[in-house]
């Protein structure tokens, strides 16, 4: 058991089948609790086919499959949840109101405390801190807060789980030490998963 769980995010995929060998190696090297599936734009039928190609590898191992930015399709295809990226045009509140508790709901909040607290108020099941998303909230006469310090503060003060989007393996220890509930390795994970070994 690791000090925090692993949440793997795929690159934005156009061809899931071509990615499956890389995906299987990554799962074997660092078994996750959840996988975030990112798909390039395509007709719904094509997206559904892509999801169905990866579902057995994920849900067949009792790993949660979370689809990015497509709540209706996530529900229709039997995914476990939806993750709202900064590109999502609606709100977490709208998604929660429309789908209730049928989907786990995650929100990328960048480095903003306000965005994280707002996501929690709107019904998110977790927040994801990282470089992508709203910028840090300006604090008068203070140095910008580091992402690690933000994650540590959140995990000490809030009950809502935090995902830390970690930019490279060198930063793993500091985010684990900060108490992140989940570690999301950067896309470089898939090229060298062994470099991302997370110890307890």
Protein backbone atom coordinates (compact mmCIF):
# COMPACT_ATOMS: atom_id res chain seq x y z
CA UNK A 1 0.00 0.00 0.00
CA UNK A 2 1.42 3.37 -0.96
CA UNK A 3 1.17 6.53 1.07
CA UNK A 4 -1.19 7.83 -1.60
CA UNK A 5 -3.03 6.24 -4.48
CA UNK A 6 -2.04 6.56 -8.12
CA UNK A 7 -4.37 8.12 -10.68
CA UNK A 8 -3.06 7.63 -14.21
CA UNK A 9 -4.10 9.97 -17.02
CA UNK A 10 -3.76 8.96 -20.65
CA UNK A 11 -2.57 11.35 -23.34
CA UNK A 12 -5.32 12.71 -25.57
CA UNK A 13 -5.94 9.66 -27.71
CA UNK A 14 -7.21 9.32 -31.26
CA UNK A 15 -6.50 5.60 -31.49
CA UNK A 16 -6.94 3.75 -28.20
CA UNK A 17 -6.04 0.41 -29.74
CA UNK A 18 -2.58 1.63 -30.79
CA UNK A 19 -1.99 2.86 -27.23
CA UNK A 20 -3.02 -0.39 -25.50
CA UNK A 21 0.48 -1.99 -25.34
CA UNK A 22 1.90 1.19 -23.75
CA UNK A 23 -1.12 1.36 -21.47
CA UNK A 24 -0.71 -2.23 -20.29
CA UNK A 25 2.99 -1.64 -19.47
CA UNK A 26 2.08 1.45 -17.45
CA UNK A 27 -0.62 -0.37 -15.49
CA UNK A 28 1.80 -3.17 -14.68
CA UNK A 29 4.57 -0.81 -13.57
CA UNK A 30 2.38 1.38 -11.36
CA UNK A 31 -1.07 -0.12 -10.64
CA UNK A 32 -3.53 2.76 -10.19
CA UNK A 33 -6.78 3.23 -8.32
CA UNK A 34 -8.22 5.17 -11.26
CA UNK A 35 -7.53 5.99 -14.90
CA UNK A 36 -8.46 9.27 -16.58
CA UNK A 37 -9.28 8.63 -20.23
CA UNK A 38 -8.69 11.60 -22.51
CA UNK A 39 -10.09 11.29 -26.03
CA UNK A 40 -9.69 13.53 -29.06
CA UNK A 41 -12.88 14.92 -30.57
CA UNK A 42 -14.75 12.43 -32.77
CA UNK A 43 -18.34 11.38 -33.48
CA UNK A 44 -20.08 9.77 -30.52
CA UNK A 45 -20.09 6.31 -32.10
CA UNK A 46 -16.31 6.47 -32.57
CA UNK A 47 -15.78 7.71 -29.02
CA UNK A 48 -17.94 4.90 -27.66
CA UNK A 49 -15.91 2.34 -29.58
CA UNK A 50 -12.68 3.81 -28.17
CA UNK A 51 -14.01 3.64 -24.60
CA UNK A 52 -15.10 0.04 -25.06
CA UNK A 53 -11.58 -0.95 -26.14
CA UNK A 54 -10.03 0.23 -22.88
CA UNK A 55 -12.79 -0.66 -20.41
CA UNK A 56 -11.85 -4.35 -19.96
CA UNK A 57 -8.26 -3.45 -19.06
CA UNK A 58 -9.40 -0.92 -16.49
CA UNK A 59 -12.74 -1.90 -14.98
CA UNK A 60 -11.85 -5.58 -15.38
CA UNK A 61 -9.15 -4.98 -12.74
CA UNK A 62 -11.46 -3.03 -10.41
CA UNK A 63 -9.85 0.25 -11.45
CA UNK A 64 -12.16 3.25 -11.82
CA UNK A 65 -12.45 4.56 -15.37
CA UNK A 66 -12.99 8.33 -15.47
CA UNK A 67 -13.77 10.07 -18.77
CA UNK A 68 -12.65 13.64 -19.37
CA UNK A 69 -15.23 16.36 -20.12
CA UNK A 70 -18.03 14.15 -21.48
CA UNK A 71 -20.45 13.38 -18.63
CA UNK A 72 -23.32 12.19 -20.83
CA UNK A 73 -21.07 9.77 -22.69
CA UNK A 74 -19.44 8.62 -19.45
CA UNK A 75 -22.84 7.66 -18.09
CA UNK A 76 -24.01 6.10 -21.36
CA UNK A 77 -20.94 3.88 -21.69
CA UNK A 78 -20.74 2.79 -18.06
CA UNK A 79 -17.67 4.76 -17.02
CA UNK A 80 -17.28 5.34 -13.29
CA UNK A 81 -16.98 9.08 -13.43
CA UNK A 82 -16.18 12.28 -15.27
CA UNK A 83 -13.27 14.69 -14.83
CA UNK A 84 -13.86 18.32 -15.78
CA UNK A 85 -10.80 19.92 -17.33
CA UNK A 86 -10.25 23.69 -17.68
CA UNK A 87 -11.68 23.33 -21.20
CA UNK A 88 -15.08 22.19 -19.95
CA UNK A 89 -17.65 24.89 -20.63
CA UNK A 90 -20.22 23.99 -17.97
CA UNK A 91 -19.92 23.87 -14.20
CA UNK A 92 -19.56 21.10 -11.67
CA UNK A 93 -22.90 22.20 -10.23
CA UNK A 94 -24.62 21.66 -13.58
CA UNK A 95 -23.10 18.21 -13.97
CA UNK A 96 -24.04 17.19 -10.44
CA UNK A 97 -27.57 18.51 -10.89
CA UNK A 98 -28.05 16.66 -14.16
CA UNK A 99 -26.46 13.32 -13.24
CA UNK A 100 -26.85 13.19 -9.48
CA UNK A 101 -24.59 10.62 -7.86
CA UNK A 102 -24.47 8.37 -10.92
CA UNK A 103 -20.94 9.53 -11.71
CA UNK A 104 -17.89 10.33 -9.62
CA UNK A 105 -17.10 13.97 -10.31
CA UNK A 106 -13.63 15.47 -10.38
CA UNK A 107 -12.60 19.02 -11.23
CA UNK A 108 -9.22 20.40 -12.33
CA UNK A 109 -8.68 23.54 -10.27
CA UNK A 110 -5.15 24.57 -11.26
CA UNK A 111 -3.42 26.30 -8.35
CA UNK A 112 -6.47 28.20 -7.10
CA UNK A 113 -7.84 27.77 -3.58
CA UNK A 114 -11.00 29.60 -4.64
CA UNK A 115 -11.59 27.28 -7.60
CA UNK A 116 -11.04 24.25 -5.36
CA UNK A 117 -13.46 25.47 -2.71
CA UNK A 118 -16.02 26.38 -5.35
CA UNK A 119 -15.73 22.90 -6.89
CA UNK A 120 -16.34 21.37 -3.49
CA UNK A 121 -19.39 23.56 -2.93
CA UNK A 122 -20.73 22.55 -6.35
CA UNK A 123 -20.56 18.84 -5.54
CA UNK A 124 -17.16 17.61 -6.73
CA UNK A 125 -15.93 14.30 -5.31
CA UNK A 126 -12.31 15.38 -5.68
CA UNK A 127 -10.25 18.34 -6.88
CA UNK A 128 -7.12 18.12 -9.01
CA UNK A 129 -4.33 20.62 -8.38
CA UNK A 130 -1.79 21.21 -11.13
CA UNK A 131 -0.28 23.58 -13.64
CA UNK A 132 -3.33 23.45 -15.92
CA UNK A 133 -6.32 25.43 -14.76
CA UNK A 134 -7.05 28.61 -12.81
CA UNK A 135 -3.97 30.47 -11.60
CA UNK A 136 -3.10 30.93 -7.97
CA UNK A 137 -5.21 33.49 -6.17
CA UNK A 138 -3.31 36.77 -5.74
CA UNK A 139 -2.30 37.50 -2.17
CA UNK A 140 -1.32 41.09 -1.47
CA UNK A 141 2.32 41.57 -0.44
CA UNK A 142 2.94 37.82 -0.38
CA UNK A 143 4.98 35.45 -2.51
CA UNK A 144 2.93 33.11 -4.70
CA UNK A 145 2.10 29.87 -2.91
CA UNK A 146 3.83 26.77 -4.25
CA UNK A 147 1.65 23.97 -5.56
CA UNK A 148 3.10 21.65 -2.93
CA UNK A 149 2.19 24.08 -0.13
CA UNK A 150 -1.31 24.44 -1.56
CA UNK A 151 -1.82 20.68 -1.63
CA UNK A 152 -0.51 20.38 1.91
CA UNK A 153 -2.82 23.13 3.16
CA UNK A 154 -5.81 21.59 1.41
CA UNK A 155 -5.17 18.10 2.77
CA UNK A 156 -4.77 19.46 6.31
CA UNK A 157 -7.85 21.69 6.22
CA UNK A 158 -10.34 20.01 3.89
CA UNK A 159 -11.98 16.60 3.76
CA UNK A 160 -12.46 16.60 -0.02
CA UNK A 161 -9.76 14.40 -1.61
CA UNK A 162 -6.96 16.10 -3.53
CA UNK A 163 -5.25 14.85 -6.66
CA UNK A 164 -1.79 16.29 -7.31
CA UNK A 165 -0.85 16.54 -10.99
CA UNK A 166 2.91 16.00 -10.63
CA UNK A 167 5.10 17.45 -13.41
CA UNK A 168 8.04 15.03 -13.15
CA UNK A 169 9.35 12.18 -10.99
CA UNK A 170 11.75 14.44 -9.10
CA UNK A 171 8.75 16.14 -7.46
CA UNK A 172 7.08 12.92 -6.33
CA UNK A 173 8.47 12.86 -2.77
CA UNK A 174 7.34 16.40 -1.95
CA UNK A 175 3.76 15.75 -3.06
CA UNK A 176 3.63 12.43 -1.22
CA UNK A 177 4.98 14.22 1.86
CA UNK A 178 2.37 16.97 1.41
CA UNK A 179 -0.33 14.36 1.91
CA UNK A 180 -1.94 14.25 -1.53
CA UNK A 181 -4.67 11.63 -1.64
CA UNK A 182 -3.84 10.76 -5.25
CA UNK A 183 -0.78 11.28 -7.40
CA UNK A 184 -1.36 11.90 -11.12
CA UNK A 185 1.90 11.51 -13.04
CA UNK A 186 2.55 13.75 -16.03
CA UNK A 187 2.20 12.41 -19.56
CA UNK A 188 5.91 11.51 -19.57
CA UNK A 189 4.94 8.60 -17.29
CA UNK A 190 4.00 6.48 -20.30
CA UNK A 191 7.49 6.72 -21.83
CA UNK A 192 9.26 5.70 -18.59
CA UNK A 193 6.81 4.36 -15.99
CA UNK A 194 9.62 2.84 -13.92
CA UNK A 195 10.86 6.36 -13.12
CA UNK A 196 7.60 7.09 -11.32
CA UNK A 197 7.75 4.41 -8.67
CA UNK A 198 5.91 5.64 -5.59
CA UNK A 199 7.01 4.20 -2.29
CA UNK A 200 5.11 4.17 0.98
